[in-house]
N, C-alpha and C. Protein backbone atom coordinates (compact mmCIF):
# COMPACT_ATOMS: atom_id res chain seq x y z
N MET A 1 -7.70 -67.29 40.50
CA MET A 1 -8.05 -67.36 39.69
C MET A 1 -8.79 -65.72 40.13
N ARG A 2 -9.09 -65.42 40.80
CA ARG A 2 -9.28 -64.15 41.05
C ARG A 2 -8.16 -63.18 40.63
N ILE A 3 -6.87 -63.41 41.30
CA ILE A 3 -5.78 -62.61 41.23
C ILE A 3 -5.25 -62.49 40.15
N LEU A 4 -5.68 -63.83 38.74
CA LEU A 4 -5.33 -63.61 37.42
C LEU A 4 -5.93 -62.51 36.34
N THR A 5 -7.08 -62.60 37.01
CA THR A 5 -8.40 -62.01 36.53
C THR A 5 -7.74 -60.01 36.75
N LEU A 6 -7.44 -59.87 38.12
CA LEU A 6 -7.27 -58.59 37.90
C LEU A 6 -6.19 -58.33 37.30
N ALA A 7 -4.99 -59.17 37.56
CA ALA A 7 -3.37 -59.10 36.64
C ALA A 7 -3.71 -58.90 35.40
N LEU A 8 -4.80 -59.03 34.31
CA LEU A 8 -5.03 -59.68 33.41
C LEU A 8 -5.81 -57.98 32.95
N ALA A 9 -6.34 -57.86 34.00
CA ALA A 9 -7.36 -56.18 33.61
C ALA A 9 -6.51 -55.47 33.90
N SER A 10 -5.83 -55.65 34.56
CA SER A 10 -4.82 -54.21 34.83
C SER A 10 -3.80 -53.81 33.90
N SER A 11 -3.15 -55.27 33.16
CA SER A 11 -2.00 -55.21 32.40
C SER A 11 -2.88 -54.55 31.31
N THR A 12 -3.85 -54.73 31.03
CA THR A 12 -4.92 -54.58 29.35
C THR A 12 -4.86 -52.81 29.66
N VAL A 13 -5.75 -52.29 30.73
CA VAL A 13 -5.70 -50.82 31.32
C VAL A 13 -4.42 -50.20 30.78
N LEU A 14 -3.34 -50.74 31.43
CA LEU A 14 -2.09 -49.92 30.93
C LEU A 14 -1.79 -50.01 29.83
N SER A 15 -1.43 -51.00 29.11
CA SER A 15 -1.17 -51.00 27.80
C SER A 15 -2.22 -50.10 27.02
N THR A 16 -3.43 -50.10 27.59
CA THR A 16 -4.35 -48.89 26.31
C THR A 16 -3.95 -47.51 26.21
N GLY A 17 -3.49 -47.47 27.68
CA GLY A 17 -2.79 -46.14 27.38
C GLY A 17 -1.98 -45.90 26.17
N ALA A 18 -0.96 -46.37 26.51
CA ALA A 18 0.30 -46.84 25.43
C ALA A 18 -0.49 -46.34 23.25
N LEU A 19 -1.31 -47.30 23.39
CA LEU A 19 -1.44 -47.61 22.11
C LEU A 19 -2.63 -46.15 21.67
N ALA A 20 -3.37 -45.16 22.84
CA ALA A 20 -4.13 -44.28 22.26
C ALA A 20 -3.43 -42.97 22.19
N HIS A 21 -2.13 -43.09 22.02
CA HIS A 21 -1.50 -41.55 21.76
C HIS A 21 -0.22 -42.87 20.85
N PRO A 22 0.17 -43.13 20.14
CA PRO A 22 1.54 -43.92 19.44
C PRO A 22 2.54 -43.08 19.13
N GLN A 23 2.37 -41.41 18.48
CA GLN A 23 3.29 -41.44 18.34
C GLN A 23 3.88 -39.99 19.39
N GLY A 24 3.25 -40.58 20.66
CA GLY A 24 4.29 -39.94 21.76
C GLY A 24 4.09 -38.73 21.75
N HIS A 25 5.46 -38.07 22.10
CA HIS A 25 5.22 -36.41 21.91
C HIS A 25 5.61 -35.71 21.22
N ASP A 26 6.03 -36.72 19.75
CA ASP A 26 6.66 -35.78 18.32
C ASP A 26 5.53 -34.71 17.97
N GLU A 27 4.44 -34.58 18.56
CA GLU A 27 3.48 -33.59 18.05
C GLU A 27 3.91 -31.80 18.06
N GLU A 28 4.64 -31.81 19.28
CA GLU A 28 5.31 -30.25 19.38
C GLU A 28 6.19 -30.12 18.62
N ASP A 29 7.22 -31.34 18.14
CA ASP A 29 8.19 -30.81 17.35
C ASP A 29 7.35 -30.69 15.68
N ARG A 30 6.69 -31.66 15.26
CA ARG A 30 5.70 -31.32 14.22
C ARG A 30 5.07 -30.16 13.89
N PHE A 31 4.60 -29.66 14.72
CA PHE A 31 3.46 -28.40 15.01
C PHE A 31 4.67 -27.03 14.71
N GLY A 32 5.66 -27.33 15.08
CA GLY A 32 6.74 -26.07 15.36
C GLY A 32 7.63 -25.90 14.18
N THR A 33 7.42 -26.96 13.11
CA THR A 33 7.94 -26.74 11.99
C THR A 33 7.40 -26.15 10.96
N LEU A 34 6.13 -26.12 11.29
CA LEU A 34 5.29 -25.47 9.84
C LEU A 34 5.61 -24.10 9.26
N ALA A 35 5.31 -24.37 8.28
CA ALA A 35 5.76 -22.86 7.15
C ALA A 35 5.01 -21.51 7.81
N PRO A 36 5.52 -20.74 8.17
CA PRO A 36 4.45 -19.34 8.08
C PRO A 36 3.49 -19.29 7.24
N VAL A 37 2.60 -18.64 7.80
CA VAL A 37 1.63 -18.60 6.38
C VAL A 37 1.73 -17.10 6.07
N ARG A 38 1.84 -16.94 4.74
CA ARG A 38 2.05 -15.95 4.32
C ARG A 38 0.75 -15.32 3.99
N VAL A 39 1.04 -13.68 4.57
CA VAL A 39 -0.47 -12.91 4.00
C VAL A 39 -0.06 -11.75 3.34
N ASP A 40 -1.47 -11.94 1.94
CA ASP A 40 -1.48 -11.35 0.79
C ASP A 40 -1.78 -9.96 1.66
N ILE A 41 -1.01 -8.74 1.85
CA ILE A 41 -1.32 -8.04 2.80
C ILE A 41 -2.54 -6.66 1.35
N PRO A 42 -1.78 -6.35 0.19
CA PRO A 42 -2.78 -5.87 -0.92
C PRO A 42 -4.34 -6.76 -0.85
N GLN A 43 -4.62 -7.58 -1.11
CA GLN A 43 -5.71 -8.41 -1.01
C GLN A 43 -6.95 -8.38 0.56
N ALA A 44 -5.58 -8.38 1.51
CA ALA A 44 -6.38 -8.29 2.55
C ALA A 44 -6.91 -6.90 3.24
N ALA A 45 -6.09 -6.25 2.67
CA ALA A 45 -6.66 -4.62 2.97
C ALA A 45 -7.80 -4.68 1.91
N ARG A 46 -7.70 -5.02 0.78
CA ARG A 46 -8.95 -4.67 -0.35
C ARG A 46 -10.17 -5.33 0.17
N GLN A 47 -10.14 -6.25 0.69
CA GLN A 47 -11.30 -7.39 1.44
C GLN A 47 -11.54 -5.83 2.78
N SER A 48 -10.90 -5.54 3.57
CA SER A 48 -11.03 -4.51 4.11
C SER A 48 -11.91 -3.34 4.24
N VAL A 49 -11.59 -3.21 2.80
CA VAL A 49 -12.55 -1.88 1.95
C VAL A 49 -13.88 -2.21 1.49
N VAL A 50 -13.75 -3.37 0.91
CA VAL A 50 -15.19 -3.93 0.67
C VAL A 50 -15.64 -3.76 1.91
N ARG A 51 -15.48 -4.44 3.30
CA ARG A 51 -16.10 -4.74 4.37
C ARG A 51 -16.98 -3.30 4.86
N LEU A 52 -15.43 -2.28 4.41
CA LEU A 52 -16.16 -0.72 5.11
C LEU A 52 -17.11 0.09 4.11
N VAL A 53 -17.26 -0.67 3.14
CA VAL A 53 -18.65 -0.27 1.83
C VAL A 53 -19.59 -0.97 2.65
N SER A 54 -19.73 -2.13 3.06
CA SER A 54 -20.52 -3.05 3.09
C SER A 54 -21.37 -2.36 4.37
N GLN A 55 -20.85 -1.58 4.90
CA GLN A 55 -20.76 -1.18 6.67
C GLN A 55 -21.55 0.18 6.40
N ALA A 56 -21.35 0.67 4.90
CA ALA A 56 -21.79 2.00 4.76
C ALA A 56 -21.11 3.03 5.18
N ARG A 57 -19.52 2.70 5.35
CA ARG A 57 -18.68 3.64 5.81
C ARG A 57 -17.71 4.62 4.62
N LEU A 58 -17.94 3.73 3.03
CA LEU A 58 -17.41 4.61 1.90
C LEU A 58 -18.18 4.27 1.09
N PRO A 59 -18.38 4.69 0.31
CA PRO A 59 -19.36 4.89 -0.79
C PRO A 59 -19.41 3.54 -1.48
N ALA A 60 -20.39 2.79 -2.40
CA ALA A 60 -19.93 1.84 -2.78
C ALA A 60 -19.12 1.65 -4.35
N SER A 61 -18.75 2.88 -4.67
CA SER A 61 -17.88 2.90 -5.98
C SER A 61 -16.14 2.29 -5.49
N TRP A 62 -16.20 2.39 -3.98
CA TRP A 62 -14.75 2.15 -3.55
C TRP A 62 -14.72 0.84 -3.94
N ALA A 63 -15.58 -0.25 -3.65
CA ALA A 63 -15.92 -1.80 -3.74
C ALA A 63 -14.82 -2.48 -5.17
N ARG A 64 -15.13 -1.53 -6.06
CA ARG A 64 -14.58 -2.03 -7.50
C ARG A 64 -13.18 -1.94 -7.74
N VAL A 65 -12.51 -0.65 -6.51
CA VAL A 65 -11.48 -0.53 -6.83
C VAL A 65 -9.88 -0.75 -6.29
N GLN A 66 -8.89 -1.15 -6.77
CA GLN A 66 -7.76 -2.43 -6.73
C GLN A 66 -6.79 -1.29 -6.27
N PRO A 67 -6.10 -1.78 -5.24
CA PRO A 67 -4.76 -1.31 -4.53
C PRO A 67 -3.96 -0.61 -5.85
N VAL A 68 -3.18 0.67 -5.53
CA VAL A 68 -2.51 1.09 -6.29
C VAL A 68 -0.87 1.03 -5.96
N SER A 69 -0.89 0.88 -4.47
CA SER A 69 0.65 0.27 -4.00
C SER A 69 0.49 0.09 -2.53
N SER A 70 1.55 -0.57 -2.27
CA SER A 70 1.77 -1.17 -0.65
C SER A 70 3.30 -0.78 -0.36
N ALA A 71 3.02 -0.16 0.84
CA ALA A 71 4.80 -0.15 1.45
C ALA A 71 4.39 -0.67 3.16
N GLN A 72 5.85 -0.72 3.35
CA GLN A 72 5.83 -0.87 5.13
C GLN A 72 6.09 0.50 5.60
N ARG A 73 6.25 0.45 7.08
CA ARG A 73 6.56 1.77 7.51
C ARG A 73 6.75 1.23 9.09
N LEU A 74 7.02 1.72 9.81
CA LEU A 74 7.29 1.93 11.23
C LEU A 74 6.73 2.96 11.93
N LYS A 75 6.20 2.90 12.53
CA LYS A 75 4.92 3.84 13.41
C LYS A 75 4.88 3.37 14.74
N ASP A 76 5.39 4.49 15.52
CA ASP A 76 5.36 4.08 17.06
C ASP A 76 6.33 2.57 17.37
N GLY A 77 7.06 2.47 16.83
CA GLY A 77 7.73 1.33 17.04
C GLY A 77 6.94 -0.20 16.26
N ALA A 78 5.78 0.15 15.93
CA ALA A 78 5.02 -0.83 15.24
C ALA A 78 5.12 -0.95 13.79
N GLN A 79 5.66 -2.22 13.19
CA GLN A 79 5.66 -2.53 11.76
C GLN A 79 4.77 -2.61 11.14
N GLN A 80 3.94 -1.77 10.11
CA GLN A 80 2.66 -1.58 9.50
C GLN A 80 2.74 -1.24 8.17
N TRP A 81 1.80 -1.96 7.39
CA TRP A 81 1.73 -1.74 5.69
C TRP A 81 0.70 -0.49 5.65
N VAL A 82 1.22 0.10 4.43
CA VAL A 82 0.38 0.94 3.89
C VAL A 82 -0.36 0.69 2.61
N VAL A 83 -1.42 0.65 2.31
CA VAL A 83 -1.67 0.58 1.29
C VAL A 83 -2.78 1.62 0.23
N THR A 84 -2.27 1.54 -0.75
CA THR A 84 -3.12 2.64 -0.68
C THR A 84 -4.10 2.47 -2.19
N PHE A 85 -5.01 3.03 -2.31
CA PHE A 85 -6.33 3.24 -3.45
C PHE A 85 -6.29 4.30 -3.62
N ARG A 86 -6.68 4.36 -5.49
CA ARG A 86 -7.15 5.91 -6.06
C ARG A 86 -8.59 5.52 -6.36
N ASN A 87 -9.21 6.44 -6.33
CA ASN A 87 -10.87 6.02 -6.87
C ASN A 87 -11.31 7.18 -7.97
N PRO A 88 -11.03 7.41 -9.19
CA PRO A 88 -11.15 8.12 -9.72
C PRO A 88 -12.76 9.06 -9.97
N ALA A 89 -13.84 7.80 -9.27
CA ALA A 89 -15.05 8.15 -9.23
C ALA A 89 -15.79 8.88 -8.13
N ILE A 90 -14.46 9.72 -7.67
CA ILE A 90 -14.99 10.51 -6.09
C ILE A 90 -14.54 11.98 -6.73
N ARG A 91 -15.87 12.76 -6.78
CA ARG A 91 -15.39 14.47 -6.77
C ARG A 91 -14.47 14.77 -6.21
N ASN A 92 -14.53 14.74 -5.12
CA ASN A 92 -14.06 15.45 -4.49
C ASN A 92 -12.54 14.89 -4.35
N ARG A 93 -11.25 15.91 -4.82
CA ARG A 93 -9.82 15.56 -5.37
C ARG A 93 -9.49 14.75 -3.93
N ALA A 94 -9.54 15.82 -2.67
CA ALA A 94 -9.20 14.88 -1.11
C ALA A 94 -9.39 13.76 -0.91
N ARG A 95 -10.79 13.41 -1.22
CA ARG A 95 -11.22 11.89 -1.07
C ARG A 95 -10.94 11.07 -1.71
N ARG A 96 -10.34 11.25 -3.26
CA ARG A 96 -10.11 10.05 -4.03
C ARG A 96 -8.65 9.19 -3.49
N THR A 97 -8.21 9.73 -3.02
CA THR A 97 -6.90 8.52 -2.21
C THR A 97 -7.31 8.12 -0.93
N LEU A 98 -7.47 6.52 -0.69
CA LEU A 98 -7.64 6.13 0.67
C LEU A 98 -6.52 4.96 0.86
N TYR A 99 -5.95 5.50 2.21
CA TYR A 99 -4.79 4.69 3.19
C TYR A 99 -5.58 3.85 3.76
N VAL A 100 -5.67 2.34 3.42
CA VAL A 100 -5.59 1.56 4.38
C VAL A 100 -4.28 1.13 5.25
N ILE A 101 -4.27 1.29 6.69
CA ILE A 101 -3.63 0.24 7.13
C ILE A 101 -3.48 -0.92 7.60
N MET A 102 -2.61 -1.53 7.57
CA MET A 102 -2.53 -2.85 8.39
C MET A 102 -1.29 -3.57 8.99
N ARG A 103 -1.60 -4.36 10.06
CA ARG A 103 -0.34 -5.15 10.81
C ARG A 103 0.12 -6.14 9.45
N PRO A 104 1.18 -6.64 10.02
CA PRO A 104 2.30 -7.68 9.15
C PRO A 104 1.15 -9.17 8.90
N ASP A 105 0.46 -9.54 10.21
CA ASP A 105 -0.36 -10.49 9.98
C ASP A 105 -1.61 -10.16 8.91
N GLY A 106 -1.25 -9.23 8.09
CA GLY A 106 -3.13 -9.23 7.33
C GLY A 106 -4.15 -8.48 8.70
N THR A 107 -4.63 -7.59 9.69
CA THR A 107 -4.93 -7.82 10.39
C THR A 107 -5.14 -5.88 10.20
N PHE A 108 -6.52 -5.33 9.80
CA PHE A 108 -7.08 -4.34 9.59
C PHE A 108 -6.90 -2.98 10.60
N VAL A 109 -6.07 -1.97 10.30
CA VAL A 109 -5.83 -1.22 11.85
C VAL A 109 -6.86 -0.09 11.49
N SER A 110 -6.56 0.60 10.37
CA SER A 110 -7.64 1.72 10.16
C SER A 110 -7.28 2.22 8.51
N ALA A 111 -8.63 3.16 8.28
CA ALA A 111 -8.38 3.72 6.96
C ALA A 111 -8.88 4.94 6.87
N ASN A 112 -7.88 5.86 6.14
CA ASN A 112 -8.26 7.22 6.24
C ASN A 112 -7.47 7.94 4.60
N HIS A 113 -8.26 8.95 4.33
CA HIS A 113 -8.39 9.40 3.29
C HIS A 113 -6.96 10.77 3.76
N ARG A 114 -6.43 10.58 4.46
CA ARG A 114 -4.89 11.35 4.81
C ARG A 114 -4.26 10.62 5.28
N LEU A 115 -3.07 10.34 5.40
CA LEU A 115 -1.88 9.45 5.88
C LEU A 115 -1.19 10.42 6.88
N SER A 116 -1.61 9.65 8.38
CA SER A 116 -1.01 9.84 9.36
C SER A 116 0.40 9.48 10.31
């Protein structure tokens, strides 16, 4: 009787592991086939400008400015996006244009009034 109980208990434990993960190892294949996430670079750059305004690094009028253009470039072997903003509310002509540099994944790199 004791042997029968042990055999029944061990078969239950061994079969429970198989039920815990019914789809097997297909998860790796399933997650590998997901479509890549598309990033709206001009929108990400605009959010970066708003963040710079909230950190008091740019005047408040920049928070309302929309991107004028965006272009890709290769700098030091790295692919980058340059998003250009123009703010007519700025009196100093040299500071009316703002260039925001972004990585292709939408990560902010830098912002400056001169393109380097």
